PDB file of N, CA and C in Angstrom:
ATOM      1  N   MET A   1     -53.476-125.581  87.902  1.00  0.00           N
ATOM      2  CA  MET A   1     -52.282-125.098  87.215  1.00  0.00           C
ATOM      3  C   MET A   1     -52.096-125.916  85.942  1.00  0.00           C
ATOM      4  N   SER A   2     -51.664-125.257  84.905  1.00  0.00           N
ATOM      5  CA  SER A   2     -51.520-125.929  83.617  1.00  0.00           C
ATOM      6  C   SER A   2     -50.305-126.854  83.611  1.00  0.00           C
ATOM      7  N   THR A   3     -50.409-127.886  82.841  1.00  0.00           N
ATOM      8  CA  THR A   3     -49.307-128.835  82.727  1.00  0.00           C
ATOM      9  C   THR A   3     -48.115-128.181  82.035  1.00  0.00           C
ATOM     10  N   LEU A   4     -48.395-127.239  81.157  1.00  0.00           N
ATOM     11  CA  LEU A   4     -47.327-126.542  80.455  1.00  0.00           C
ATOM     12  C   LEU A   4     -46.464-125.752  81.453  1.00  0.00           C
ATOM     13  N   LEU A   5     -47.120-125.060  82.364  1.00  0.00           N
ATOM     14  CA  LEU A   5     -46.391-124.309  83.389  1.00  0.00           C
ATOM     15  C   LEU A   5     -45.606-125.262  84.291  1.00  0.00           C
ATOM     16  N   GLU A   6     -46.232-126.361  84.662  1.00  0.00           N
ATOM     17  CA  GLU A   6     -45.561-127.361  85.502  1.00  0.00           C
ATOM     18  C   GLU A   6     -44.302-127.874  84.803  1.00  0.00           C
ATOM     19  N   LYS A   7     -44.419-128.203  83.534  1.00  0.00           N
ATOM     20  CA  LYS A   7     -43.259-128.687  82.765  1.00  0.00           C
ATOM     21  C   LYS A   7     -42.162-127.621  82.705  1.00  0.00           C
ATOM     22  N   HIS A   8     -42.589-126.382  82.539  1.00  0.00           N
ATOM     23  CA  HIS A   8     -41.639-125.269  82.485  1.00  0.00           C
ATOM     24  C   HIS A   8     -40.884-125.141  83.816  1.00  0.00           C
ATOM     25  N   ILE A   9     -41.621-125.228  84.917  1.00  0.00           N
ATOM     26  CA  ILE A   9     -40.990-125.141  86.244  1.00  0.00           C
ATOM     27  C   ILE A   9     -39.998-126.279  86.443  1.00  0.00           C
ATOM     28  N   VAL A  10     -40.398-127.478  86.071  1.00  0.00           N
ATOM     29  CA  VAL A  10     -39.513-128.645  86.218  1.00  0.00           C
ATOM     30  C   VAL A  10     -38.246-128.450  85.389  1.00  0.00           C
ATOM     31  N   GLU A  11     -38.428-127.951  84.185  1.00  0.00           N
ATOM     32  CA  GLU A  11     -37.286-127.685  83.311  1.00  0.00           C
ATOM     33  C   GLU A  11     -36.329-126.669  83.961  1.00  0.00           C
ATOM     34  N   LEU A  12     -36.894-125.602  84.496  1.00  0.00           N
ATOM     35  CA  LEU A  12     -36.080-124.583  85.163  1.00  0.00           C
ATOM     36  C   LEU A  12     -35.362-125.157  86.387  1.00  0.00           C
ATOM     37  N   LEU A  13     -36.048-126.012  87.139  1.00  0.00           N
ATOM     38  CA  LEU A  13     -35.430-126.660  88.297  1.00  0.00           C
ATOM     39  C   LEU A  13     -34.232-127.503  87.860  1.00  0.00           C
ATOM     40  N   ARG A  14     -34.428-128.257  86.794  1.00  0.00           N
ATOM     41  CA  ARG A  14     -33.337-129.116  86.296  1.00  0.00           C
ATOM     42  C   ARG A  14     -32.135-128.300  85.850  1.00  0.00           C
ATOM     43  N   GLU A  15     -32.395-127.092  85.378  1.00  0.00           N
ATOM     44  CA  GLU A  15     -31.315-126.208  84.918  1.00  0.00           C
ATOM     45  C   GLU A  15     -30.743-125.383  86.072  1.00  0.00           C
ATOM     46  N   SER A  16     -31.272-125.598  87.276  1.00  0.00           N
ATOM     47  CA  SER A  16     -30.890-124.802  88.457  1.00  0.00           C
ATOM     48  C   SER A  16     -31.093-123.308  88.221  1.00  0.00           C
ATOM     49  N   ASN A  17     -32.175-122.994  87.542  1.00  0.00           N
ATOM     50  CA  ASN A  17     -32.524-121.606  87.242  1.00  0.00           C
ATOM     51  C   ASN A  17     -33.335-121.033  88.407  1.00  0.00           C
ATOM     52  N   ASP A  18     -32.863-119.920  88.961  1.00  0.00           N
ATOM     53  CA  ASP A  18     -33.523-119.284  90.102  1.00  0.00           C
ATOM     54  C   ASP A  18     -34.997-118.959  89.857  1.00  0.00           C
ATOM     55  N   LYS A  19     -35.344-118.742  88.619  1.00  0.00           N
ATOM     56  CA  LYS A  19     -36.734-118.408  88.266  1.00  0.00           C
ATOM     57  C   LYS A  19     -37.690-119.521  88.713  1.00  0.00           C
ATOM     58  N   ALA A  20     -37.202-120.745  88.793  1.00  0.00           N
ATOM     59  CA  ALA A  20     -38.041-121.877  89.198  1.00  0.00           C
ATOM     60  C   ALA A  20     -38.610-121.660  90.598  1.00  0.00           C
ATOM     61  N   ILE A  21     -37.777-121.200  91.516  1.00  0.00           N
ATOM     62  CA  ILE A  21     -38.235-120.976  92.891  1.00  0.00           C
ATOM     63  C   ILE A  21     -39.288-119.874  92.935  1.00  0.00           C
ATOM     64  N   SER A  22     -39.077-118.810  92.169  1.00  0.00           N
ATOM     65  CA  SER A  22     -40.070-117.732  92.112  1.00  0.00           C
ATOM     66  C   SER A  22     -41.406-118.249  91.611  1.00  0.00           C
ATOM     67  N   LEU A  23     -41.365-119.037  90.554  1.00  0.00           N
ATOM     68  CA  LEU A  23     -42.603-119.595  89.995  1.00  0.00           C
ATOM     69  C   LEU A  23     -43.259-120.574  90.966  1.00  0.00           C
ATOM     70  N   LEU A  24     -42.450-121.396  91.609  1.00  0.00           N
ATOM     71  CA  LEU A  24     -42.996-122.341  92.587  1.00  0.00           C
ATOM     72  C   LEU A  24     -43.685-121.583  93.717  1.00  0.00           C
ATOM     73  N   TYR A  25     -43.007-120.568  94.217  1.00  0.00           N
ATOM     74  CA  TYR A  25     -43.576-119.796  95.316  1.00  0.00           C
ATOM     75  C   TYR A  25     -44.862-119.096  94.889  1.00  0.00           C
ATOM     76  N   GLU A  26     -44.818-118.517  93.704  1.00  0.00           N
ATOM     77  CA  GLU A  26     -45.983-117.791  93.189  1.00  0.00           C
ATOM     78  C   GLU A  26     -47.196-118.709  93.022  1.00  0.00           C
ATOM     79  N   HIS A  27     -46.962-119.916  92.516  1.00  0.00           N
ATOM     80  CA  HIS A  27     -48.073-120.816  92.189  1.00  0.00           C
ATOM     81  C   HIS A  27     -48.419-121.825  93.279  1.00  0.00           C
ATOM     82  N   TYR A  28     -47.484-122.114  94.167  1.00  0.00           N
ATOM     83  CA  TYR A  28     -47.716-123.140  95.188  1.00  0.00           C
ATOM     84  C   TYR A  28     -47.504-122.644  96.617  1.00  0.00           C
ATOM     85  N   GLY A  29     -46.901-121.483  96.792  1.00  0.00           N
ATOM     86  CA  GLY A  29     -46.528-121.001  98.126  1.00  0.00           C
ATOM     87  C   GLY A  29     -47.673-120.993  99.127  1.00  0.00           C
ATOM     88  N   ASP A  30     -48.807-120.416  98.750  1.00  0.00           N
ATOM     89  CA  ASP A  30     -49.939-120.335  99.679  1.00  0.00           C
ATOM     90  C   ASP A  30     -50.466-121.718 100.046  1.00  0.00           C
ATOM     91  N   THR A  31     -50.553-122.587  99.069  1.00  0.00           N
ATOM     92  CA  THR A  31     -51.055-123.939  99.316  1.00  0.00           C
ATOM     93  C   THR A  31     -50.097-124.709 100.218  1.00  0.00           C
ATOM     94  N   LEU A  32     -48.796-124.583  99.952  1.00  0.00           N
ATOM     95  CA  LEU A  32     -47.813-125.287 100.780  1.00  0.00           C
ATOM     96  C   LEU A  32     -47.783-124.712 102.193  1.00  0.00           C
ATOM     97  N   TYR A  33     -48.010-123.417 102.317  1.00  0.00           N
ATOM     98  CA  TYR A  33     -48.129-122.815 103.646  1.00  0.00           C
ATOM     99  C   TYR A  33     -49.313-123.452 104.377  1.00  0.00           C
ATOM    100  N   GLY A  34     -50.417-123.628 103.671  1.00  0.00           N
ATOM    101  CA  GLY A  34     -51.602-124.264 104.255  1.00  0.00           C
ATOM    102  C   GLY A  34     -51.313-125.672 104.733  1.00  0.00           C
ATOM    103  N   VAL A  35     -50.546-126.411 103.946  1.00  0.00           N
ATOM    104  CA  VAL A  35     -50.146-127.776 104.319  1.00  0.00           C
ATOM    105  C   VAL A  35     -49.316-127.727 105.609  1.00  0.00           C
ATOM    106  N   ALA A  36     -48.328-126.837 105.634  1.00  0.00           N
ATOM    107  CA  ALA A  36     -47.448-126.712 106.797  1.00  0.00           C
ATOM    108  C   ALA A  36     -48.245-126.285 108.026  1.00  0.00           C
ATOM    109  N   PHE A  37     -49.124-125.301 107.859  1.00  0.00           N
ATOM    110  CA  PHE A  37     -49.900-124.794 108.988  1.00  0.00           C
ATOM    111  C   PHE A  37     -50.807-125.870 109.568  1.00  0.00           C
ATOM    112  N   LYS A  38     -51.376-126.681 108.699  1.00  0.00           N
ATOM    113  CA  LYS A  38     -52.275-127.743 109.157  1.00  0.00           C
ATOM    114  C   LYS A  38     -51.521-128.724 110.068  1.00  0.00           C
ATOM    115  N   VAL A  39     -50.248-128.934 109.796  1.00  0.00           N
ATOM    116  CA  VAL A  39     -49.442-129.864 110.607  1.00  0.00           C
ATOM    117  C   VAL A  39     -48.938-129.186 111.881  1.00  0.00           C
ATOM    118  N   VAL A  40     -48.344-128.004 111.758  1.00  0.00           N
ATOM    119  CA  VAL A  40     -47.689-127.384 112.924  1.00  0.00           C
ATOM    120  C   VAL A  40     -48.624-126.481 113.740  1.00  0.00           C
ATOM    121  N   ARG A  41     -49.705-126.010 113.139  1.00  0.00           N
ATOM    122  CA  ARG A  41     -50.708-125.173 113.801  1.00  0.00           C
ATOM    123  C   ARG A  41     -50.116-123.925 114.472  1.00  0.00           C
ATOM    124  N   ASN A  42     -49.172-123.314 113.776  1.00  0.00           N
ATOM    125  CA  ASN A  42     -48.534-122.100 114.274  1.00  0.00           C
ATOM    126  C   ASN A  42     -48.027-121.330 113.060  1.00  0.00           C
ATOM    127  N   GLU A  43     -48.383-120.053 112.956  1.00  0.00           N
ATOM    128  CA  GLU A  43     -48.038-119.267 111.764  1.00  0.00           C
ATOM    129  C   GLU A  43     -46.535-119.151 111.551  1.00  0.00           C
ATOM    130  N   GLU A  44     -45.811-118.824 112.623  1.00  0.00           N
ATOM    131  CA  GLU A  44     -44.361-118.661 112.505  1.00  0.00           C
ATOM    132  C   GLU A  44     -43.675-119.971 112.100  1.00  0.00           C
ATOM    133  N   LEU A  45     -44.074-121.053 112.751  1.00  0.00           N
ATOM    134  CA  LEU A  45     -43.495-122.356 112.414  1.00  0.00           C
ATOM    135  C   LEU A  45     -43.832-122.743 110.977  1.00  0.00           C
ATOM    136  N   ALA A  46     -45.053-122.463 110.558  1.00  0.00           N
ATOM    137  CA  ALA A  46     -45.470-122.791 109.194  1.00  0.00           C
ATOM    138  C   ALA A  46     -44.618-122.028 108.181  1.00  0.00           C
ATOM    139  N   GLN A  47     -44.330-120.764 108.478  1.00  0.00           N
ATOM    140  CA  GLN A  47     -43.467-119.979 107.588  1.00  0.00           C
ATOM    141  C   GLN A  47     -42.064-120.577 107.537  1.00  0.00           C
ATOM    142  N   ASP A  48     -41.545-120.996 108.690  1.00  0.00           N
ATOM    143  CA  ASP A  48     -40.226-121.646 108.732  1.00  0.00           C
ATOM    144  C   ASP A  48     -40.229-122.921 107.903  1.00  0.00           C
ATOM    145  N   VAL A  49     -41.287-123.695 108.054  1.00  0.00           N
ATOM    146  CA  VAL A  49     -41.406-124.964 107.330  1.00  0.00           C
ATOM    147  C   VAL A  49     -41.408-124.714 105.823  1.00  0.00           C
ATOM    148  N   VAL A  50     -42.161-123.717 105.375  1.00  0.00           N
ATOM    149  CA  VAL A  50     -42.217-123.421 103.939  1.00  0.00           C
ATOM    150  C   VAL A  50     -40.832-123.012 103.443  1.00  0.00           C
ATOM    151  N   GLN A  51     -40.152-122.171 104.208  1.00  0.00           N
ATOM    152  CA  GLN A  51     -38.813-121.741 103.804  1.00  0.00           C
ATOM    153  C   GLN A  51     -37.862-122.947 103.728  1.00  0.00           C
ATOM    154  N   GLU A  52     -37.881-123.785 104.752  1.00  0.00           N
ATOM    155  CA  GLU A  52     -37.025-124.981 104.740  1.00  0.00           C
ATOM    156  C   GLU A  52     -37.402-125.914 103.591  1.00  0.00           C
ATOM    157  N   SER A  53     -38.692-126.011 103.317  1.00  0.00           N
ATOM    158  CA  SER A  53     -39.165-126.877 102.225  1.00  0.00           C
ATOM    159  C   SER A  53     -38.654-126.391 100.878  1.00  0.00           C
ATOM    160  N   PHE A  54     -38.706-125.088 100.655  1.00  0.00           N
ATOM    161  CA  PHE A  54     -38.219-124.553  99.389  1.00  0.00           C
ATOM    162  C   PHE A  54     -36.714-124.786  99.228  1.00  0.00           C
ATOM    163  N   ILE A  55     -35.978-124.721 100.313  1.00  0.00           N
ATOM    164  CA  ILE A  55     -34.541-125.030 100.255  1.00  0.00           C
ATOM    165  C   ILE A  55     -34.349-126.497  99.884  1.00  0.00           C
ATOM    166  N   LYS A  56     -35.129-127.379 100.520  1.00  0.00           N
ATOM    167  CA  LYS A  56     -35.041-128.816 100.194  1.00  0.00           C
ATOM    168  C   LYS A  56     -35.447-129.065  98.735  1.00  0.00           C
ATOM    169  N   ILE A  57     -36.511-128.413  98.308  1.00  0.00           N
ATOM    170  CA  ILE A  57     -36.985-128.566  96.927  1.00  0.00           C
ATOM    171  C   ILE A  57     -35.879-128.171  95.951  1.00  0.00           C
ATOM    172  N   TRP A  58     -35.243-127.046  96.231  1.00  0.00           N
ATOM    173  CA  TRP A  58     -34.152-126.566  95.382  1.00  0.00           C
ATOM    174  C   TRP A  58     -32.998-127.564  95.373  1.00  0.00           C
ATOM    175  N   ASN A  59     -32.607-128.021  96.566  1.00  0.00           N
ATOM    176  CA  ASN A  59     -31.463-128.936  96.677  1.00  0.00           C
ATOM    177  C   ASN A  59     -31.750-130.334  96.142  1.00  0.00           C
ATOM    178  N   LYS A  60     -33.022-130.737  96.159  1.00  0.00           N
ATOM    179  CA  LYS A  60     -33.388-132.084  95.703  1.00  0.00           C
ATOM    180  C   LYS A  60     -34.058-132.085  94.330  1.00  0.00           C
ATOM    181  N   SER A  61     -34.029-130.940  93.651  1.00  0.00           N
ATOM    182  CA  SER A  61     -34.760-130.834  92.389  1.00  0.00           C
ATOM    183  C   SER A  61     -34.350-131.896  91.375  1.00  0.00           C
ATOM    184  N   HIS A  62     -33.096-132.321  91.422  1.00  0.00           N
ATOM    185  CA  HIS A  62     -32.621-133.356  90.491  1.00  0.00           C
ATOM    186  C   HIS A  62     -33.263-134.721  90.755  1.00  0.00           C
ATOM    187  N   THR A  63     -33.882-134.891  91.929  1.00  0.00           N
ATOM    188  CA  THR A  63     -34.490-136.191  92.249  1.00  0.00           C
ATOM    189  C   THR A  63     -35.951-136.284  91.807  1.00  0.00           C
ATOM    190  N   TYR A  64     -36.534-135.158  91.384  1.00  0.00           N
ATOM    191  CA  TYR A  64     -37.937-135.195  90.975  1.00  0.00           C
ATOM    192  C   TYR A  64     -38.099-136.030  89.712  1.00  0.00           C
ATOM    193  N   ASP A  65     -39.068-136.940  89.745  1.00  0.00           N
ATOM    194  CA  ASP A  65     -39.352-137.818  88.617  1.00  0.00           C
ATOM    195  C   ASP A  65     -40.835-137.689  88.264  1.00  0.00           C
ATOM    196  N   ALA A  66     -41.098-137.036  87.149  1.00  0.00           N
ATOM    197  CA  ALA A  66     -42.481-136.789  86.720  1.00  0.00           C
ATOM    198  C   ALA A  66     -43.253-138.079  86.461  1.00  0.00           C
ATOM    199  N   SER A  67     -42.564-139.169  86.192  1.00  0.00           N
ATOM    200  CA  SER A  67     -43.265-140.437  85.944  1.00  0.00           C
ATOM    201  C   SER A  67     -43.763-141.066  87.253  1.00  0.00           C
ATOM    202  N   LYS A  68     -43.234-140.613  88.388  1.00  0.00           N
ATOM    203  CA  LYS A  68     -43.642-141.176  89.681  1.00  0.00           C
ATOM    204  C   LYS A  68     -44.706-140.337  90.388  1.00  0.00           C
ATOM    205  N   ALA A  69     -44.665-139.027  90.186  1.00  0.00           N
ATOM    206  CA  ALA A  69     -45.629-138.157  90.877  1.00  0.00           C
ATOM    207  C   ALA A  69     -45.749-136.824  90.156  1.00  0.00           C
ATOM    208  N   LYS A  70     -46.914-136.209  90.311  1.00  0.00           N
ATOM    209  CA  LYS A  70     -47.078-134.854  89.790  1.00  0.00           C
ATOM    210  C   LYS A  70     -46.205-133.931  90.628  1.00  0.00           C
ATOM    211  N   LEU A  71     -45.859-132.801  90.063  1.00  0.00           N
ATOM    212  CA  LEU A  71     -45.016-131.847  90.763  1.00  0.00           C
ATOM    213  C   LEU A  71     -45.626-131.457  92.106  1.00  0.00           C
ATOM    214  N   PHE A  72     -46.922-131.161  92.124  1.00  0.00           N
ATOM    215  CA  PHE A  72     -47.539-130.752  93.386  1.00  0.00           C
ATOM    216  C   PHE A  72     -47.439-131.846  94.442  1.00  0.00           C
ATOM    217  N   THR A  73     -47.630-133.083  94.043  1.00  0.00           N
ATOM    218  CA  THR A  73     -47.547-134.195  94.995  1.00  0.00           C
ATOM    219  C   THR A  73     -46.163-134.254  95.614  1.00  0.00           C
ATOM    220  N   TRP A  74     -45.149-134.076  94.798  1.00  0.00           N
ATOM    221  CA  TRP A  74     -43.762-134.070  95.275  1.00  0.00           C
ATOM    222  C   TRP A  74     -43.540-132.915  96.241  1.00  0.00           C
ATOM    223  N   LEU A  75     -44.008-131.718  95.883  1.00  0.00           N
ATOM    224  CA  LEU A  75     -43.878-130.542  96.734  1.00  0.00           C
ATOM    225  C   LEU A  75     -44.633-130.737  98.052  1.00  0.00           C
ATOM    226  N   PHE A  76     -45.830-131.284  97.954  1.00  0.00           N
ATOM    227  CA  PHE A  76     -46.667-131.546  99.125  1.00  0.00           C
ATOM    228  C   PHE A  76     -45.947-132.469 100.101  1.00  0.00           C
ATOM    229  N   ARG A  77     -45.389-133.562  99.580  1.00  0.00           N
ATOM    230  CA  ARG A  77     -44.710-134.535 100.453  1.00  0.00           C
ATOM    231  C   ARG A  77     -43.503-133.923 101.153  1.00  0.00           C
ATOM    232  N   ILE A  78     -42.722-133.165 100.423  1.00  0.00           N
ATOM    233  CA  ILE A  78     -41.548-132.520 101.023  1.00  0.00           C
ATOM    234  C   ILE A  78     -41.994-131.565 102.131  1.00  0.00           C
ATOM    235  N   THR A  79     -43.013-130.775 101.855  1.00  0.00           N
ATOM    236  CA  THR A  79     -43.492-129.798 102.836  1.00  0.00           C
ATOM    237  C   THR A  79     -44.092-130.492 104.050  1.00  0.00           C
ATOM    238  N   ARG A  80     -44.897-131.484 103.821  1.00  0.00           N
ATOM    239  CA  ARG A  80     -45.541-132.209 104.934  1.00  0.00           C
ATOM    240  C   ARG A  80     -44.482-132.882 105.802  1.00  0.00           C
ATOM    241  N   ASN A  81     -43.521-133.553 105.176  1.00  0.00           N
ATOM    242  CA  ASN A  81     -42.462-134.223 105.939  1.00  0.00           C
ATOM    243  C   ASN A  81     -41.606-133.220 106.707  1.00  0.00           C
ATOM    244  N   THR A  82     -41.342-132.078 106.108  1.00  0.00           N
ATOM    245  CA  THR A  82     -40.570-131.038 106.790  1.00  0.00           C
ATOM    246  C   THR A  82     -41.339-130.538 108.010  1.00  0.00           C
ATOM    247  N   ALA A  83     -42.649-130.377 107.868  1.00  0.00           N
ATOM    248  CA  ALA A  83     -43.487-129.929 108.989  1.00  0.00           C
ATOM    249  C   ALA A  83     -43.483-130.956 110.120  1.00  0.00           C
ATOM    250  N   ILE A  84     -43.599-132.225 109.762  1.00  0.00           N
ATOM    251  CA  ILE A  84     -43.580-133.291 110.768  1.00  0.00           C
ATOM    252  C   ILE A  84     -42.221-133.320 111.470  1.00  0.00           C
ATOM    253  N   ASP A  85     -41.137-133.193 110.693  1.00  0.00           N
ATOM    254  CA  ASP A  85     -39.791-133.153 111.276  1.00  0.00           C
ATOM    255  C   ASP A  85     -39.651-131.972 112.236  1.00  0.00           C
ATOM    256  N   LYS A  86     -40.227-130.831 111.859  1.00  0.00           N
ATOM    257  CA  LYS A  86     -40.163-129.626 112.700  1.00  0.00           C
ATOM    258  C   LYS A  86     -40.850-129.893 114.033  1.00  0.00           C
ATOM    259  N   LEU A  87     -42.029-130.505 113.994  1.00  0.00           N
ATOM    260  CA  LEU A  87     -42.744-130.829 115.230  1.00  0.00           C
ATOM    261  C   LEU A  87     -41.935-131.795 116.091  1.00  0.00           C
ATOM    262  N   ARG A  88     -41.357-132.788 115.470  1.00  0.00           N
ATOM    263  CA  ARG A  88     -40.543-133.759 116.221  1.00  0.00           C
ATOM    264  C   ARG A  88     -39.348-133.078 116.881  1.00  0.00           C
ATOM    265  N   SER A  89     -38.686-132.198 116.147  1.00  0.00           N
ATOM    266  CA  SER A  89     -37.503-131.544 116.712  1.00  0.00           C
ATOM    267  C   SER A  89     -37.901-130.643 117.877  1.00  0.00           C
ATOM    268  N   ILE A  90     -39.043-129.987 117.783  1.00  0.00           N
ATOM    269  CA  ILE A  90     -39.520-129.153 118.884  1.00  0.00           C
ATOM    270  C   ILE A  90     -39.897-130.037 120.068  1.00  0.00           C
ATOM    271  N   GLY A  91     -40.556-131.155 119.786  1.00  0.00           N
ATOM    272  CA  GLY A  91     -40.933-132.106 120.846  1.00  0.00           C
ATOM    273  C   GLY A  91     -39.713-132.651 121.559  1.00  0.00           C
ATOM    274  N   ASN A  92     -38.690-133.012 120.800  1.00  0.00           N
ATOM    275  CA  ASN A  92     -37.472-133.543 121.402  1.00  0.00           C
ATOM    276  C   ASN A  92     -36.767-132.486 122.235  1.00  0.00           C
ATOM    277  N   LYS A  93     -36.731-131.257 121.734  1.00  0.00           N
ATOM    278  CA  LYS A  93     -36.098-130.162 122.475  1.00  0.00           C
ATOM    279  C   LYS A  93     -36.859-129.932 123.776  1.00  0.00           C
ATOM    280  N   SER A  94     -38.166-129.962 123.687  1.00  0.00           N
ATOM    281  CA  SER A  94     -39.014-129.759 124.846  1.00  0.00           C
ATOM    282  C   SER A  94     -38.792-130.870 125.871  1.00  0.00           C
ATOM    283  N   ASP A  95     -38.717-132.106 125.404  1.00  0.00           N
ATOM    284  CA  ASP A  95     -38.464-133.249 126.296  1.00  0.00           C
ATOM    285  C   ASP A  95     -37.128-133.089 127.006  1.00  0.00           C
ATOM    286  N   ARG A  96     -36.099-132.666 126.276  1.00  0.00           N
ATOM    287  CA  ARG A  96     -34.771-132.478 126.872  1.00  0.00           C
ATOM    288  C   ARG A  96     -34.808-131.372 127.916  1.00  0.00           C
ATOM    289  N   GLU A  97     -35.546-130.293 127.626  1.00  0.00           N
ATOM    290  CA  GLU A  97     -35.640-129.191 128.581  1.00  0.00           C
ATOM    291  C   GLU A  97     -36.347-129.649 129.857  1.00  0.00           C
ATOM    292  N   ILE A  98     -37.386-130.428 129.715  1.00  0.00           N
ATOM    293  CA  ILE A  98     -38.116-130.947 130.877  1.00  0.00           C
ATOM    294  C   ILE A  98     -37.204-131.852 131.688  1.00  0.00           C
ATOM    295  N   GLN A  99     -36.459-132.737 131.002  1.00  0.00           N
ATOM    296  CA  GLN A  99     -35.546-133.629 131.709  1.00  0.00           C
ATOM    297  C   GLN A  99     -34.484-132.836 132.454  1.00  0.00           C
ATOM    298  N   MET A 100     -33.980-131.770 131.841  1.00  0.00           N
ATOM    299  CA  MET A 100     -32.965-130.946 132.497  1.00  0.00           C
ATOM    300  C   MET A 100     -33.573-130.268 133.724  1.00  0.00           C
ATOM    301  N   ASP A 101     -34.784-129.761 133.615  1.00  0.00           N
ATOM    302  CA  ASP A 101     -35.444-129.113 134.752  1.00  0.00           C
ATOM    303  C   ASP A 101     -35.636-130.100 135.896  1.00  0.00           C
ATOM    304  N   VAL A 102     -36.083-131.290 135.580  1.00  0.00           N
ATOM    305  CA  VAL A 102     -36.306-132.310 136.600  1.00  0.00           C
ATOM    306  C   VAL A 102     -34.986-132.661 137.278  1.00  0.00           C
ATOM    307  N   SER A 103     -33.923-132.834 136.511  1.00  0.00           N
ATOM    308  CA  SER A 103     -32.638-133.197 137.116  1.00  0.00           C
ATOM    309  C   SER A 103     -32.085-132.038 137.939  1.00  0.00           C
ATOM    310  N   ASP A 104     -32.334-130.788 137.512  1.00  0.00           N
ATOM    311  CA  ASP A 104     -31.898-129.635 138.302  1.00  0.00           C
ATOM    312  C   ASP A 104     -32.630-129.597 139.637  1.00  0.00           C
ATOM    313  N   VAL A 105     -33.930-129.857 139.602  1.00  0.00           N
ATOM    314  CA  VAL A 105     -34.719-129.874 140.832  1.00  0.00           C
ATOM    315  C   VAL A 105     -34.199-130.976 141.747  1.00  0.00           C
ATOM    316  N   TYR A 106     -33.917-132.123 141.173  1.00  0.00           N
ATOM    317  CA  TYR A 106     -33.402-133.248 141.956  1.00  0.00           C
ATOM    318  C   TYR A 106     -32.061-132.870 142.588  1.00  0.00           C
ATOM    319  N   ASN A 107     -31.169-132.260 141.800  1.00  0.00           N
ATOM    320  CA  ASN A 107     -29.854-131.864 142.318  1.00  0.00           C
ATOM    321  C   ASN A 107     -29.982-130.834 143.437  1.00  0.00           C
ATOM    322  N   LEU A 108     -30.914-129.909 143.285  1.00  0.00           N
ATOM    323  CA  LEU A 108     -31.130-128.900 144.321  1.00  0.00           C
ATOM    324  C   LEU A 108     -31.563-129.555 145.622  1.00  0.00           C
ATOM    325  N   GLY A 109     -32.440-130.556 145.489  1.00  0.00           N
ATOM    326  CA  GLY A 109     -32.930-131.270 146.674  1.00  0.00           C
ATOM    327  C   GLY A 109     -31.828-132.034 147.372  1.00  0.00           C
ATOM    328  N   VAL A 110     -30.903-132.590 146.607  1.00  0.00           N
ATOM    329  CA  VAL A 110     -29.812-133.368 147.161  1.00  0.00           C
ATOM    330  C   VAL A 110     -28.818-132.452 147.876  1.00  0.00           C
ATOM    331  N   GLU A 111     -28.549-131.306 147.246  1.00  0.00           N
ATOM    332  CA  GLU A 111     -27.556-130.378 147.817  1.00  0.00           C
ATOM    333  C   GLU A 111     -28.108-129.730 149.102  1.00  0.00           C
ATOM    334  N   GLY A 112     -29.423-129.424 149.135  1.00  0.00           N
ATOM    335  CA  GLY A 112     -29.998-128.689 150.256  1.00  0.00           C
ATOM    336  C   GLY A 112     -30.190-129.558 151.410  1.00  0.00           C
TER     337      GLY A 112
END
């Protein structure tokens, strides 16, 4: 991707211009989906991660600093971290469900 386009996208993000998200999705969407899929290994979850990532990107656009990272690197990190968070939240939910099942079984045994 050209640096000119990257600068244009960053400028649009800073102006909170909706066109920025369209351009980001058009130029980075497939790649960011690939990043998400590699972490979560599930198509539906990867789509959720990309959607959540774009919301975070939009909401955090004022924090992007071109002197610290290229735009893609920033997008990659947000997407990867969102994917990892998604896996953790599913893992925690799963752990809680297992604990509830075990305690229900225990309670049934005590009552019977």
